């Protein structure tokens, strides 16, 4: 599940515990809701993984494992290409962990995309 608001983060991390993995992603100074959510999940016993752009990020203090990816760019903004590549690698690894189950779920999703309820038919 994803938490994109303060309320979602609070609700999901309060219920996370042993046997759960929580992945927190935050760059630069770190959003309070992300850091607090990760801290709460760790207190509850969840395994916490952080994705940040520096070792001094508050995410690194509460994560059991932290991946560092750069968001620096020569322009004035930030580039999220490296973090997206890391997430793609993590998702691929998860998919290969239980390949048979993943293929079953993907076949169901493909069938839904071809002829699911959400598509209009006369």
PDB file of N, CA and C in Angstrom:
ATOM      1  N   UNK A   1       0.831  -1.172   0.000  1.00  0.00           N
ATOM      2  CA  UNK A   1       0.000   0.000   0.000  1.00  0.00           C
ATOM      3  C   UNK A   1       0.882   1.244   0.000  1.00  0.00           C
ATOM      4  N   UNK A   2       0.346   2.298  -0.498  1.00  0.00           N
ATOM      5  CA  UNK A   2       1.099   3.543  -0.523  1.00  0.00           C
ATOM      6  C   UNK A   2       0.445   4.575   0.384  1.00  0.00           C
ATOM      7  N   UNK A   3       1.266   5.418   0.942  1.00  0.00           N
ATOM      8  CA  UNK A   3       0.765   6.503   1.787  1.00  0.00           C
ATOM      9  C   UNK A   3       1.242   7.814   1.178  1.00  0.00           C
ATOM     10  N   UNK A   4       0.320   8.603   0.678  1.00  0.00           N
ATOM     11  CA  UNK A   4       0.692   9.872   0.063  1.00  0.00           C
ATOM     12  C   UNK A   4       0.202  11.084   0.852  1.00  0.00           C
ATOM     13  N   UNK A   5      -0.486  10.840   1.944  1.00  0.00           N
ATOM     14  CA  UNK A   5      -0.920  11.942   2.801  1.00  0.00           C
ATOM     15  C   UNK A   5      -0.523  11.635   4.236  1.00  0.00           C
ATOM     16  N   UNK A   6      -0.570  12.643   5.068  1.00  0.00           N
ATOM     17  CA  UNK A   6      -0.197  12.457   6.475  1.00  0.00           C
ATOM     18  C   UNK A   6      -1.084  11.421   7.144  1.00  0.00           C
ATOM     19  N   UNK A   7      -2.377  11.486   6.897  1.00  0.00           N
ATOM     20  CA  UNK A   7      -3.309  10.534   7.499  1.00  0.00           C
ATOM     21  C   UNK A   7      -3.047   9.110   7.052  1.00  0.00           C
ATOM     22  N   UNK A   8      -2.803   8.934   5.745  1.00  0.00           N
ATOM     23  CA  UNK A   8      -2.485   7.592   5.234  1.00  0.00           C
ATOM     24  C   UNK A   8      -1.223   7.049   5.885  1.00  0.00           C
ATOM     25  N   UNK A   9      -0.192   7.883   5.948  1.00  0.00           N
ATOM     26  CA  UNK A   9       1.081   7.454   6.530  1.00  0.00           C
ATOM     27  C   UNK A   9       0.892   7.039   7.987  1.00  0.00           C
ATOM     28  N   UNK A  10       0.160   7.828   8.739  1.00  0.00           N
ATOM     29  CA  UNK A  10      -0.083   7.524  10.149  1.00  0.00           C
ATOM     30  C   UNK A  10      -0.841   6.207  10.301  1.00  0.00           C
ATOM     31  N   UNK A  11      -1.907   6.049   9.534  1.00  0.00           N
ATOM     32  CA  UNK A  11      -2.734   4.847   9.631  1.00  0.00           C
ATOM     33  C   UNK A  11      -1.953   3.593   9.241  1.00  0.00           C
ATOM     34  N   UNK A  12      -1.252   3.636   8.117  1.00  0.00           N
ATOM     35  CA  UNK A  12      -0.537   2.457   7.638  1.00  0.00           C
ATOM     36  C   UNK A  12       0.630   2.078   8.530  1.00  0.00           C
ATOM     37  N   UNK A  13       1.369   3.073   9.017  1.00  0.00           N
ATOM     38  CA  UNK A  13       2.532   2.740   9.835  1.00  0.00           C
ATOM     39  C   UNK A  13       2.144   2.300  11.246  1.00  0.00           C
ATOM     40  N   UNK A  14       1.005   2.719  11.733  1.00  0.00           N
ATOM     41  CA  UNK A  14       0.552   2.236  13.042  1.00  0.00           C
ATOM     42  C   UNK A  14       0.188   0.764  12.976  1.00  0.00           C
ATOM     43  N   UNK A  15      -0.270   0.304  11.820  1.00  0.00           N
ATOM     44  CA  UNK A  15      -0.663  -1.101  11.694  1.00  0.00           C
ATOM     45  C   UNK A  15       0.469  -1.985  11.181  1.00  0.00           C
ATOM     46  N   UNK A  16       1.579  -1.413  10.752  1.00  0.00           N
ATOM     47  CA  UNK A  16       2.722  -2.203  10.291  1.00  0.00           C
ATOM     48  C   UNK A  16       3.408  -2.818  11.497  1.00  0.00           C
ATOM     49  N   UNK A  17       3.863  -4.046  11.337  1.00  0.00           N
ATOM     50  CA  UNK A  17       4.532  -4.719  12.443  1.00  0.00           C
ATOM     51  C   UNK A  17       5.425  -5.832  11.939  1.00  0.00           C
ATOM     52  N   UNK A  18       5.713  -6.790  12.817  1.00  0.00           N
ATOM     53  CA  UNK A  18       6.574  -7.915  12.454  1.00  0.00           C
ATOM     54  C   UNK A  18       6.032  -8.601  11.209  1.00  0.00           C
ATOM     55  N   UNK A  19       6.923  -8.926  10.308  1.00  0.00           N
ATOM     56  CA  UNK A  19       6.524  -9.576   9.068  1.00  0.00           C
ATOM     57  C   UNK A  19       6.201  -8.601   7.946  1.00  0.00           C
ATOM     58  N   UNK A  20       6.190  -7.298   8.238  1.00  0.00           N
ATOM     59  CA  UNK A  20       5.918  -6.284   7.213  1.00  0.00           C
ATOM     60  C   UNK A  20       7.225  -5.599   6.804  1.00  0.00           C
ATOM     61  N   UNK A  21       7.244  -5.155   5.562  1.00  0.00           N
ATOM     62  CA  UNK A  21       8.351  -4.344   5.067  1.00  0.00           C
ATOM     63  C   UNK A  21       7.795  -2.967   4.740  1.00  0.00           C
ATOM     64  N   UNK A  22       8.446  -1.944   5.244  1.00  0.00           N
ATOM     65  CA  UNK A  22       8.052  -0.566   4.970  1.00  0.00           C
ATOM     66  C   UNK A  22       9.193   0.090   4.194  1.00  0.00           C
ATOM     67  N   UNK A  23       8.856   0.666   3.044  1.00  0.00           N
ATOM     68  CA  UNK A  23       9.847   1.362   2.232  1.00  0.00           C
ATOM     69  C   UNK A  23       9.523   2.850   2.272  1.00  0.00           C
ATOM     70  N   UNK A  24      10.468   3.642   2.761  1.00  0.00           N
ATOM     71  CA  UNK A  24      10.294   5.092   2.847  1.00  0.00           C
ATOM     72  C   UNK A  24      11.212   5.757   1.828  1.00  0.00           C
ATOM     73  N   UNK A  25      10.646   6.679   1.062  1.00  0.00           N
ATOM     74  CA  UNK A  25      11.407   7.390   0.039  1.00  0.00           C
ATOM     75  C   UNK A  25      11.299   8.886   0.324  1.00  0.00           C
ATOM     76  N   UNK A  26      12.430   9.519   0.524  1.00  0.00           N
ATOM     77  CA  UNK A  26      12.424  10.958   0.753  1.00  0.00           C
ATOM     78  C   UNK A  26      13.794  11.518   0.414  1.00  0.00           C
ATOM     79  N   UNK A  27      13.809  12.702  -0.175  1.00  0.00           N
ATOM     80  CA  UNK A  27      15.054  13.311  -0.601  1.00  0.00           C
ATOM     81  C   UNK A  27      15.234  14.676   0.052  1.00  0.00           C
ATOM     82  N   UNK A  28      16.463  15.125  -0.006  1.00  0.00           N
ATOM     83  CA  UNK A  28      16.875  16.398   0.570  1.00  0.00           C
ATOM     84  C   UNK A  28      16.636  16.370   2.086  1.00  0.00           C
ATOM     85  N   UNK A  29      15.868  17.268   2.633  1.00  0.00           N
ATOM     86  CA  UNK A  29      15.689  17.348   4.085  1.00  0.00           C
ATOM     87  C   UNK A  29      14.770  16.262   4.632  1.00  0.00           C
ATOM     88  N   UNK A  30      13.903  15.686   3.830  1.00  0.00           N
ATOM     89  CA  UNK A  30      12.996  14.633   4.282  1.00  0.00           C
ATOM     90  C   UNK A  30      11.677  15.185   4.776  1.00  0.00           C
ATOM     91  N   UNK A  31      10.589  14.667   4.276  1.00  0.00           N
ATOM     92  CA  UNK A  31       9.263  15.080   4.737  1.00  0.00           C
ATOM     93  C   UNK A  31       8.985  14.504   6.119  1.00  0.00           C
ATOM     94  N   UNK A  32       8.423  15.315   6.984  1.00  0.00           N
ATOM     95  CA  UNK A  32       8.126  14.878   8.350  1.00  0.00           C
ATOM     96  C   UNK A  32       7.245  13.627   8.370  1.00  0.00           C
ATOM     97  N   UNK A  33       6.192  13.592   7.535  1.00  0.00           N
ATOM     98  CA  UNK A  33       5.275  12.443   7.561  1.00  0.00           C
ATOM     99  C   UNK A  33       5.990  11.160   7.148  1.00  0.00           C
ATOM    100  N   UNK A  34       6.939  11.250   6.226  1.00  0.00           N
ATOM    101  CA  UNK A  34       7.676  10.065   5.787  1.00  0.00           C
ATOM    102  C   UNK A  34       8.611   9.580   6.886  1.00  0.00           C
ATOM    103  N   UNK A  35       9.356  10.494   7.478  1.00  0.00           N
ATOM    104  CA  UNK A  35      10.309  10.128   8.525  1.00  0.00           C
ATOM    105  C   UNK A  35       9.579   9.600   9.762  1.00  0.00           C
ATOM    106  N   UNK A  36       8.536  10.282  10.188  1.00  0.00           N
ATOM    107  CA  UNK A  36       7.773   9.834  11.356  1.00  0.00           C
ATOM    108  C   UNK A  36       7.091   8.489  11.102  1.00  0.00           C
ATOM    109  N   UNK A  37       6.594   8.306   9.891  1.00  0.00           N
ATOM    110  CA  UNK A  37       5.981   7.029   9.544  1.00  0.00           C
ATOM    111  C   UNK A  37       6.986   5.895   9.605  1.00  0.00           C
ATOM    112  N   UNK A  38       8.188   6.124   9.081  1.00  0.00           N
ATOM    113  CA  UNK A  38       9.235   5.101   9.129  1.00  0.00           C
ATOM    114  C   UNK A  38       9.646   4.812  10.562  1.00  0.00           C
ATOM    115  N   UNK A  39       9.771   5.868  11.365  1.00  0.00           N
ATOM    116  CA  UNK A  39      10.133   5.685  12.779  1.00  0.00           C
ATOM    117  C   UNK A  39       9.100   4.843  13.509  1.00  0.00           C
ATOM    118  N   UNK A  40       7.813   5.146  13.284  1.00  0.00           N
ATOM    119  CA  UNK A  40       6.735   4.405  13.935  1.00  0.00           C
ATOM    120  C   UNK A  40       6.710   2.944  13.488  1.00  0.00           C
ATOM    121  N   UNK A  41       6.924   2.718  12.203  1.00  0.00           N
ATOM    122  CA  UNK A  41       6.942   1.347  11.689  1.00  0.00           C
ATOM    123  C   UNK A  41       8.082   0.549  12.317  1.00  0.00           C
ATOM    124  N   UNK A  42       9.233   1.174  12.484  1.00  0.00           N
ATOM    125  CA  UNK A  42      10.366   0.473  13.108  1.00  0.00           C
ATOM    126  C   UNK A  42      10.066   0.151  14.568  1.00  0.00           C
ATOM    127  N   UNK A  43       9.478   1.106  15.290  1.00  0.00           N
ATOM    128  CA  UNK A  43       9.098   0.861  16.688  1.00  0.00           C
ATOM    129  C   UNK A  43       8.138  -0.324  16.773  1.00  0.00           C
ATOM    130  N   UNK A  44       7.248  -0.452  15.787  1.00  0.00           N
ATOM    131  CA  UNK A  44       6.269  -1.545  15.774  1.00  0.00           C
ATOM    132  C   UNK A  44       6.866  -2.880  15.334  1.00  0.00           C
ATOM    133  N   UNK A  45       8.128  -2.893  14.915  1.00  0.00           N
ATOM    134  CA  UNK A  45       8.787  -4.144  14.560  1.00  0.00           C
ATOM    135  C   UNK A  45       8.855  -4.448  13.071  1.00  0.00           C
ATOM    136  N   UNK A  46       8.411  -3.526  12.225  1.00  0.00           N
ATOM    137  CA  UNK A  46       8.489  -3.752  10.779  1.00  0.00           C
ATOM    138  C   UNK A  46       9.939  -3.611  10.318  1.00  0.00           C
ATOM    139  N   UNK A  47      10.273  -4.322   9.245  1.00  0.00           N
ATOM    140  CA  UNK A  47      11.593  -4.165   8.648  1.00  0.00           C
ATOM    141  C   UNK A  47      11.536  -2.927   7.762  1.00  0.00           C
ATOM    142  N   UNK A  48      12.425  -1.988   7.992  1.00  0.00           N
ATOM    143  CA  UNK A  48      12.356  -0.692   7.325  1.00  0.00           C
ATOM    144  C   UNK A  48      13.483  -0.501   6.322  1.00  0.00           C
ATOM    145  N   UNK A  49      13.088  -0.104   5.120  1.00  0.00           N
ATOM    146  CA  UNK A  49      14.034   0.161   4.044  1.00  0.00           C
ATOM    147  C   UNK A  49      13.877   1.624   3.653  1.00  0.00           C
ATOM    148  N   UNK A  50      14.987   2.314   3.502  1.00  0.00           N
ATOM    149  CA  UNK A  50      14.954   3.718   3.123  1.00  0.00           C
ATOM    150  C   UNK A  50      15.598   3.946   1.772  1.00  0.00           C
ATOM    151  N   UNK A  51      15.076   4.912   1.059  1.00  0.00           N
ATOM    152  CA  UNK A  51      15.689   5.376  -0.180  1.00  0.00           C
ATOM    153  C   UNK A  51      15.870   6.878  -0.018  1.00  0.00           C
ATOM    154  N   UNK A  52      17.128   7.318  -0.041  1.00  0.00           N
ATOM    155  CA  UNK A  52      17.447   8.718   0.200  1.00  0.00           C
ATOM    156  C   UNK A  52      18.604   9.136  -0.701  1.00  0.00           C
ATOM    157  N   UNK A  53      18.947  10.415  -0.651  1.00  0.00           N
ATOM    158  CA  UNK A  53      20.019  10.903  -1.507  1.00  0.00           C
ATOM    159  C   UNK A  53      21.302  11.234  -0.749  1.00  0.00           C
ATOM    160  N   UNK A  54      21.310  11.045   0.561  1.00  0.00           N
ATOM    161  CA  UNK A  54      22.507  11.339   1.344  1.00  0.00           C
ATOM    162  C   UNK A  54      22.486  10.548   2.653  1.00  0.00           C
ATOM    163  N   UNK A  55      23.662  10.280   3.178  1.00  0.00           N
ATOM    164  CA  UNK A  55      23.751   9.555   4.450  1.00  0.00           C
ATOM    165  C   UNK A  55      23.261  10.366   5.643  1.00  0.00           C
ATOM    166  N   UNK A  56      23.182  11.672   5.496  1.00  0.00           N
ATOM    167  CA  UNK A  56      22.709  12.483   6.624  1.00  0.00           C
ATOM    168  C   UNK A  56      21.197  12.693   6.585  1.00  0.00           C
ATOM    169  N   UNK A  57      20.522  12.027   5.659  1.00  0.00           N
ATOM    170  CA  UNK A  57      19.059  12.101   5.598  1.00  0.00           C
ATOM    171  C   UNK A  57      18.475  11.486   6.868  1.00  0.00           C
ATOM    172  N   UNK A  58      17.390  12.048   7.390  1.00  0.00           N
ATOM    173  CA  UNK A  58      16.757  11.451   8.568  1.00  0.00           C
ATOM    174  C   UNK A  58      16.230  10.034   8.293  1.00  0.00           C
ATOM    175  N   UNK A  59      16.010   9.705   7.042  1.00  0.00           N
ATOM    176  CA  UNK A  59      15.558   8.356   6.682  1.00  0.00           C
ATOM    177  C   UNK A  59      16.581   7.306   7.121  1.00  0.00           C
ATOM    178  N   UNK A  60      17.870   7.635   6.992  1.00  0.00           N
ATOM    179  CA  UNK A  60      18.917   6.654   7.319  1.00  0.00           C
ATOM    180  C   UNK A  60      18.964   6.302   8.800  1.00  0.00           C
ATOM    181  N   UNK A  61      18.465   7.182   9.650  1.00  0.00           N
ATOM    182  CA  UNK A  61      18.489   6.902  11.094  1.00  0.00           C
ATOM    183  C   UNK A  61      17.527   5.796  11.505  1.00  0.00           C
ATOM    184  N   UNK A  62      16.416   5.663  10.784  1.00  0.00           N
ATOM    185  CA  UNK A  62      15.375   4.721  11.193  1.00  0.00           C
ATOM    186  C   UNK A  62      15.265   3.498  10.291  1.00  0.00           C
ATOM    187  N   UNK A  63      15.997   3.475   9.191  1.00  0.00           N
ATOM    188  CA  UNK A  63      15.923   2.342   8.264  1.00  0.00           C
ATOM    189  C   UNK A  63      16.913   1.257   8.669  1.00  0.00           C
ATOM    190  N   UNK A  64      16.496   0.003   8.554  1.00  0.00           N
ATOM    191  CA  UNK A  64      17.412  -1.110   8.763  1.00  0.00           C
ATOM    192  C   UNK A  64      18.409  -1.172   7.601  1.00  0.00           C
ATOM    193  N   UNK A  65      17.911  -0.866   6.421  1.00  0.00           N
ATOM    194  CA  UNK A  65      18.714  -0.866   5.188  1.00  0.00           C
ATOM    195  C   UNK A  65      18.388   0.398   4.425  1.00  0.00           C
ATOM    196  N   UNK A  66      19.400   1.077   3.917  1.00  0.00           N
ATOM    197  CA  UNK A  66      19.148   2.314   3.180  1.00  0.00           C
ATOM    198  C   UNK A  66      19.908   2.303   1.865  1.00  0.00           C
ATOM    199  N   UNK A  67      19.219   2.678   0.806  1.00  0.00           N
ATOM    200  CA  UNK A  67      19.822   2.800  -0.513  1.00  0.00           C
ATOM    201  C   UNK A  67      19.990   4.283  -0.822  1.00  0.00           C
ATOM    202  N   UNK A  68      21.176   4.642  -1.284  1.00  0.00           N
ATOM    203  CA  UNK A  68      21.447   6.030  -1.639  1.00  0.00           C
ATOM    204  C   UNK A  68      21.399   6.174  -3.153  1.00  0.00           C
ATOM    205  N   UNK A  69      20.604   7.128  -3.624  1.00  0.00           N
ATOM    206  CA  UNK A  69      20.503   7.426  -5.046  1.00  0.00           C
ATOM    207  C   UNK A  69      20.549   8.938  -5.223  1.00  0.00           C
ATOM    208  N   UNK A  70      21.232   9.355  -6.236  1.00  0.00           N
ATOM    209  CA  UNK A  70      21.380  10.785  -6.470  1.00  0.00           C
ATOM    210  C   UNK A  70      20.157  11.363  -7.164  1.00  0.00           C
ATOM    211  N   UNK A  71      19.785  12.569  -6.770  1.00  0.00           N
ATOM    212  CA  UNK A  71      18.735  13.322  -7.465  1.00  0.00           C
ATOM    213  C   UNK A  71      19.319  14.621  -8.021  1.00  0.00           C
ATOM    214  N   UNK A  72      20.644  14.741  -7.960  1.00  0.00           N
ATOM    215  CA  UNK A  72      21.308  15.955  -8.427  1.00  0.00           C
ATOM    216  C   UNK A  72      21.248  16.049  -9.943  1.00  0.00           C
ATOM    217  N   UNK A  73      21.183  17.276 -10.427  1.00  0.00           N
ATOM    218  CA  UNK A  73      21.148  17.553 -11.853  1.00  0.00           C
ATOM    219  C   UNK A  73      21.814  18.901 -12.093  1.00  0.00           C
ATOM    220  N   UNK A  74      22.367  19.114 -13.290  1.00  0.00           N
ATOM    221  CA  UNK A  74      22.993  20.408 -13.567  1.00  0.00           C
ATOM    222  C   UNK A  74      21.991  21.571 -13.616  1.00  0.00           C
ATOM    223  N   UNK A  75      20.730  21.269 -13.810  1.00  0.00           N
ATOM    224  CA  UNK A  75      19.731  22.340 -13.848  1.00  0.00           C
ATOM    225  C   UNK A  75      19.280  22.679 -12.427  1.00  0.00           C
ATOM    226  N   UNK A  76      18.242  23.487 -12.311  1.00  0.00           N
ATOM    227  CA  UNK A  76      17.797  23.932 -10.991  1.00  0.00           C
ATOM    228  C   UNK A  76      16.915  22.929 -10.257  1.00  0.00           C
ATOM    229  N   UNK A  77      16.376  21.951 -10.950  1.00  0.00           N
ATOM    230  CA  UNK A  77      15.464  20.995 -10.337  1.00  0.00           C
ATOM    231  C   UNK A  77      16.188  19.767  -9.817  1.00  0.00           C
ATOM    232  N   UNK A  78      15.435  18.715  -9.676  1.00  0.00           N
ATOM    233  CA  UNK A  78      15.982  17.437  -9.246  1.00  0.00           C
ATOM    234  C   UNK A  78      15.563  16.377 -10.267  1.00  0.00           C
ATOM    235  N   UNK A  79      16.406  15.395 -10.461  1.00  0.00           N
ATOM    236  CA  UNK A  79      16.112  14.313 -11.399  1.00  0.00           C
ATOM    237  C   UNK A  79      15.813  13.042 -10.617  1.00  0.00           C
ATOM    238  N   UNK A  80      14.679  12.438 -10.906  1.00  0.00           N
ATOM    239  CA  UNK A  80      14.293  11.219 -10.201  1.00  0.00           C
ATOM    240  C   UNK A  80      14.518   9.971 -11.054  1.00  0.00           C
ATOM    241  N   UNK A  81      15.410  10.072 -12.035  1.00  0.00           N
ATOM    242  CA  UNK A  81      15.720   8.927 -12.897  1.00  0.00           C
ATOM    243  C   UNK A  81      16.388   7.814 -12.098  1.00  0.00           C
ATOM    244  N   UNK A  82      17.389   8.124 -11.316  1.00  0.00           N
ATOM    245  CA  UNK A  82      18.094   7.103 -10.540  1.00  0.00           C
ATOM    246  C   UNK A  82      17.177   6.425  -9.516  1.00  0.00           C
ATOM    247  N   UNK A  83      16.364   7.170  -8.756  1.00  0.00           N
ATOM    248  CA  UNK A  83      15.452   6.504  -7.829  1.00  0.00           C
ATOM    249  C   UNK A  83      14.441   5.589  -8.551  1.00  0.00           C
ATOM    250  N   UNK A  84      13.961   6.006  -9.716  1.00  0.00           N
ATOM    251  CA  UNK A  84      13.008   5.176 -10.458  1.00  0.00           C
ATOM    252  C   UNK A  84      13.683   3.898 -10.967  1.00  0.00           C
ATOM    253  N   UNK A  85      14.936   3.993 -11.378  1.00  0.00           N
ATOM    254  CA  UNK A  85      15.681   2.800 -11.796  1.00  0.00           C
ATOM    255  C   UNK A  85      15.840   1.832 -10.623  1.00  0.00           C
ATOM    256  N   UNK A  86      16.131   2.372  -9.446  1.00  0.00           N
ATOM    257  CA  UNK A  86      16.246   1.521  -8.259  1.00  0.00           C
ATOM    258  C   UNK A  86      14.913   0.844  -7.957  1.00  0.00           C
ATOM    259  N   UNK A  87      13.815   1.591  -8.002  1.00  0.00           N
ATOM    260  CA  UNK A  87      12.501   0.995  -7.740  1.00  0.00           C
ATOM    261  C   UNK A  87      12.167  -0.080  -8.770  1.00  0.00           C
ATOM    262  N   UNK A  88      12.505   0.140 -10.022  1.00  0.00           N
ATOM    263  CA  UNK A  88      12.284  -0.892 -11.042  1.00  0.00           C
ATOM    264  C   UNK A  88      13.073  -2.158 -10.722  1.00  0.00           C
ATOM    265  N   UNK A  89      14.307  -2.005 -10.257  1.00  0.00           N
ATOM    266  CA  UNK A  89      15.118  -3.169  -9.884  1.00  0.00           C
ATOM    267  C   UNK A  89      14.504  -3.915  -8.696  1.00  0.00           C
ATOM    268  N   UNK A  90      14.017  -3.171  -7.704  1.00  0.00           N
ATOM    269  CA  UNK A  90      13.388  -3.798  -6.533  1.00  0.00           C
ATOM    270  C   UNK A  90      12.118  -4.552  -6.945  1.00  0.00           C
ATOM    271  N   UNK A  91      11.292  -3.932  -7.775  1.00  0.00           N
ATOM    272  CA  UNK A  91      10.064  -4.596  -8.239  1.00  0.00           C
ATOM    273  C   UNK A  91      10.372  -5.847  -9.059  1.00  0.00           C
ATOM    274  N   UNK A  92      11.397  -5.778  -9.881  1.00  0.00           N
ATOM    275  CA  UNK A  92      11.798  -6.945 -10.665  1.00  0.00           C
ATOM    276  C   UNK A  92      12.266  -8.074  -9.758  1.00  0.00           C
ATOM    277  N   UNK A  93      13.063  -7.731  -8.757  1.00  0.00           N
ATOM    278  CA  UNK A  93      13.530  -8.745  -7.811  1.00  0.00           C
ATOM    279  C   UNK A  93      12.362  -9.377  -7.056  1.00  0.00           C
ATOM    280  N   UNK A  94      11.393  -8.558  -6.650  1.00  0.00           N
ATOM    281  CA  UNK A  94      10.211  -9.083  -5.952  1.00  0.00           C
ATOM    282  C   UNK A  94       9.426 -10.024  -6.869  1.00  0.00           C
ATOM    283  N   UNK A  95       9.310  -9.654  -8.138  1.00  0.00           N
ATOM    284  CA  UNK A  95       8.599 -10.487  -9.098  1.00  0.00           C
ATOM    285  C   UNK A  95       9.269 -11.829  -9.315  1.00  0.00           C
ATOM    286  N   UNK A  96      10.580 -11.859  -9.258  1.00  0.00           N
ATOM    287  CA  UNK A  96      11.318 -13.109  -9.454  1.00  0.00           C
ATOM    288  C   UNK A  96      11.388 -13.962  -8.196  1.00  0.00           C
ATOM    289  N   UNK A  97      11.085 -13.384  -7.059  1.00  0.00           N
ATOM    290  CA  UNK A  97      11.158 -14.136  -5.798  1.00  0.00           C
ATOM    291  C   UNK A  97      10.186 -15.315  -5.808  1.00  0.00           C
ATOM    292  N   UNK A  98       8.950 -15.093  -6.192  1.00  0.00           N
ATOM    293  CA  UNK A  98       7.954 -16.154  -6.323  1.00  0.00           C
ATOM    294  C   UNK A  98       7.378 -16.054  -7.735  1.00  0.00           C
ATOM    295  N   UNK A  99       8.148 -16.540  -8.679  1.00  0.00           N
ATOM    296  CA  UNK A  99       7.855 -16.358 -10.095  1.00  0.00           C
ATOM    297  C   UNK A  99       6.484 -16.903 -10.493  1.00  0.00           C
ATOM    298  N   UNK A 100       6.132 -18.078 -10.004  1.00  0.00           N
ATOM    299  CA  UNK A 100       4.851 -18.693 -10.374  1.00  0.00           C
ATOM    300  C   UNK A 100       3.673 -17.827  -9.930  1.00  0.00           C
ATOM    301  N   UNK A 101       3.712 -17.342  -8.702  1.00  0.00           N
ATOM    302  CA  UNK A 101       2.647 -16.472  -8.194  1.00  0.00           C
ATOM    303  C   UNK A 101       2.584 -15.166  -8.989  1.00  0.00           C
ATOM    304  N   UNK A 102       3.750 -14.593  -9.279  1.00  0.00           N
ATOM    305  CA  UNK A 102       3.791 -13.344 -10.041  1.00  0.00           C
ATOM    306  C   UNK A 102       3.168 -13.518 -11.422  1.00  0.00           C
ATOM    307  N   UNK A 103       3.487 -14.615 -12.095  1.00  0.00           N
ATOM    308  CA  UNK A 103       2.927 -14.853 -13.427  1.00  0.00           C
ATOM    309  C   UNK A 103       1.419 -15.052 -13.375  1.00  0.00           C
ATOM    310  N   UNK A 104       0.936 -15.724 -12.344  1.00  0.00           N
ATOM    311  CA  UNK A 104      -0.508 -15.900 -12.185  1.00  0.00           C
ATOM    312  C   UNK A 104      -1.198 -14.549 -12.020  1.00  0.00           C
ATOM    313  N   UNK A 105      -0.657 -13.695 -11.162  1.00  0.00           N
ATOM    314  CA  UNK A 105      -1.236 -12.367 -10.952  1.00  0.00           C
ATOM    315  C   UNK A 105      -1.153 -11.505 -12.208  1.00  0.00           C
ATOM    316  N   UNK A 106      -0.049 -11.594 -12.929  1.00  0.00           N
ATOM    317  CA  UNK A 106       0.106 -10.805 -14.155  1.00  0.00           C
ATOM    318  C   UNK A 106      -0.862 -11.262 -15.248  1.00  0.00           C
ATOM    319  N   UNK A 107      -1.129 -12.558 -15.320  1.00  0.00           N
ATOM    320  CA  UNK A 107      -2.104 -13.058 -16.305  1.00  0.00           C
ATOM    321  C   UNK A 107      -3.496 -12.525 -15.993  1.00  0.00           C
ATOM    322  N   UNK A 108      -3.855 -12.483 -14.716  1.00  0.00           N
ATOM    323  CA  UNK A 108      -5.156 -11.922 -14.328  1.00  0.00           C
ATOM    324  C   UNK A 108      -5.232 -10.437 -14.680  1.00  0.00           C
ATOM    325  N   UNK A 109      -4.156  -9.698 -14.418  1.00  0.00           N
ATOM    326  CA  UNK A 109      -4.124  -8.270 -14.738  1.00  0.00           C
ATOM    327  C   UNK A 109      -4.207  -8.046 -16.247  1.00  0.00           C
ATOM    328  N   UNK A 110      -3.531  -8.880 -17.029  1.00  0.00           N
ATOM    329  CA  UNK A 110      -3.579  -8.745 -18.488  1.00  0.00           C
ATOM    330  C   UNK A 110      -4.993  -8.999 -19.011  1.00  0.00           C
ATOM    331  N   UNK A 111      -5.675  -9.980 -18.451  1.00  0.00           N
ATOM    332  CA  UNK A 111      -7.050 -10.265 -18.865  1.00  0.00           C
ATOM    333  C   UNK A 111      -7.968  -9.097 -18.518  1.00  0.00           C
ATOM    334  N   UNK A 112      -7.769  -8.500 -17.354  1.00  0.00           N
ATOM    335  CA  UNK A 112      -8.560  -7.328 -16.953  1.00  0.00           C
ATOM    336  C   UNK A 112      -8.328  -6.173 -17.921  1.00  0.00           C
ATOM    337  N   UNK A 113      -7.094  -5.981 -18.336  1.00  0.00           N
ATOM    338  CA  UNK A 113      -6.782  -4.902 -19.276  1.00  0.00           C
ATOM    339  C   UNK A 113      -7.441  -5.128 -20.638  1.00  0.00           C
ATOM    340  N   UNK A 114      -7.568  -6.392 -21.049  1.00  0.00           N
ATOM    341  CA  UNK A 114      -8.179  -6.696 -22.346  1.00  0.00           C
ATOM    342  C   UNK A 114      -9.691  -6.586 -22.339  1.00  0.00           C
ATOM    343  N   UNK A 115     -10.316  -7.067 -21.274  1.00  0.00           N
ATOM    344  CA  UNK A 115     -11.783  -7.166 -21.326  1.00  0.00           C
ATOM    345  C   UNK A 115     -12.465  -6.937 -19.992  1.00  0.00           C
ATOM    346  N   UNK A 116     -11.874  -6.169 -19.121  1.00  0.00           N
ATOM    347  CA  UNK A 116     -12.421  -5.967 -17.793  1.00  0.00           C
ATOM    348  C   UNK A 116     -13.689  -5.126 -17.769  1.00  0.00           C
ATOM    349  N   UNK A 117     -14.282  -5.041 -16.609  1.00  0.00           N
ATOM    350  CA  UNK A 117     -15.538  -4.336 -16.369  1.00  0.00           C
ATOM    351  C   UNK A 117     -15.448  -2.851 -16.703  1.00  0.00           C
ATOM    352  N   UNK A 118     -14.297  -2.247 -16.502  1.00  0.00           N
ATOM    353  CA  UNK A 118     -14.184  -0.803 -16.664  1.00  0.00           C
ATOM    354  C   UNK A 118     -14.287  -0.340 -18.115  1.00  0.00           C
ATOM    355  N   UNK A 119     -14.166  -1.249 -19.080  1.00  0.00           N
ATOM    356  CA  UNK A 119     -14.245  -0.872 -20.487  1.00  0.00           C
ATOM    357  C   UNK A 119     -15.672  -0.905 -20.970  1.00  0.00           C
ATOM    358  N   UNK A 120     -16.084   0.139 -21.653  1.00  0.00           N
ATOM    359  CA  UNK A 120     -17.435   0.248 -22.159  1.00  0.00           C
ATOM    360  C   UNK A 120     -17.659  -0.708 -23.331  1.00  0.00           C
ATOM    361  N   UNK A 121     -18.768  -1.417 -23.283  1.00  0.00           N
ATOM    362  CA  UNK A 121     -19.172  -2.300 -24.383  1.00  0.00           C
ATOM    363  C   UNK A 121     -20.662  -2.128 -24.619  1.00  0.00           C
ATOM    364  N   UNK A 122     -21.057  -2.157 -25.863  1.00  0.00           N
ATOM    365  CA  UNK A 122     -22.494  -2.050 -26.180  1.00  0.00           C
ATOM    366  C   UNK A 122     -23.140  -3.416 -26.205  1.00  0.00           C
TER     367      UNK A 122
END
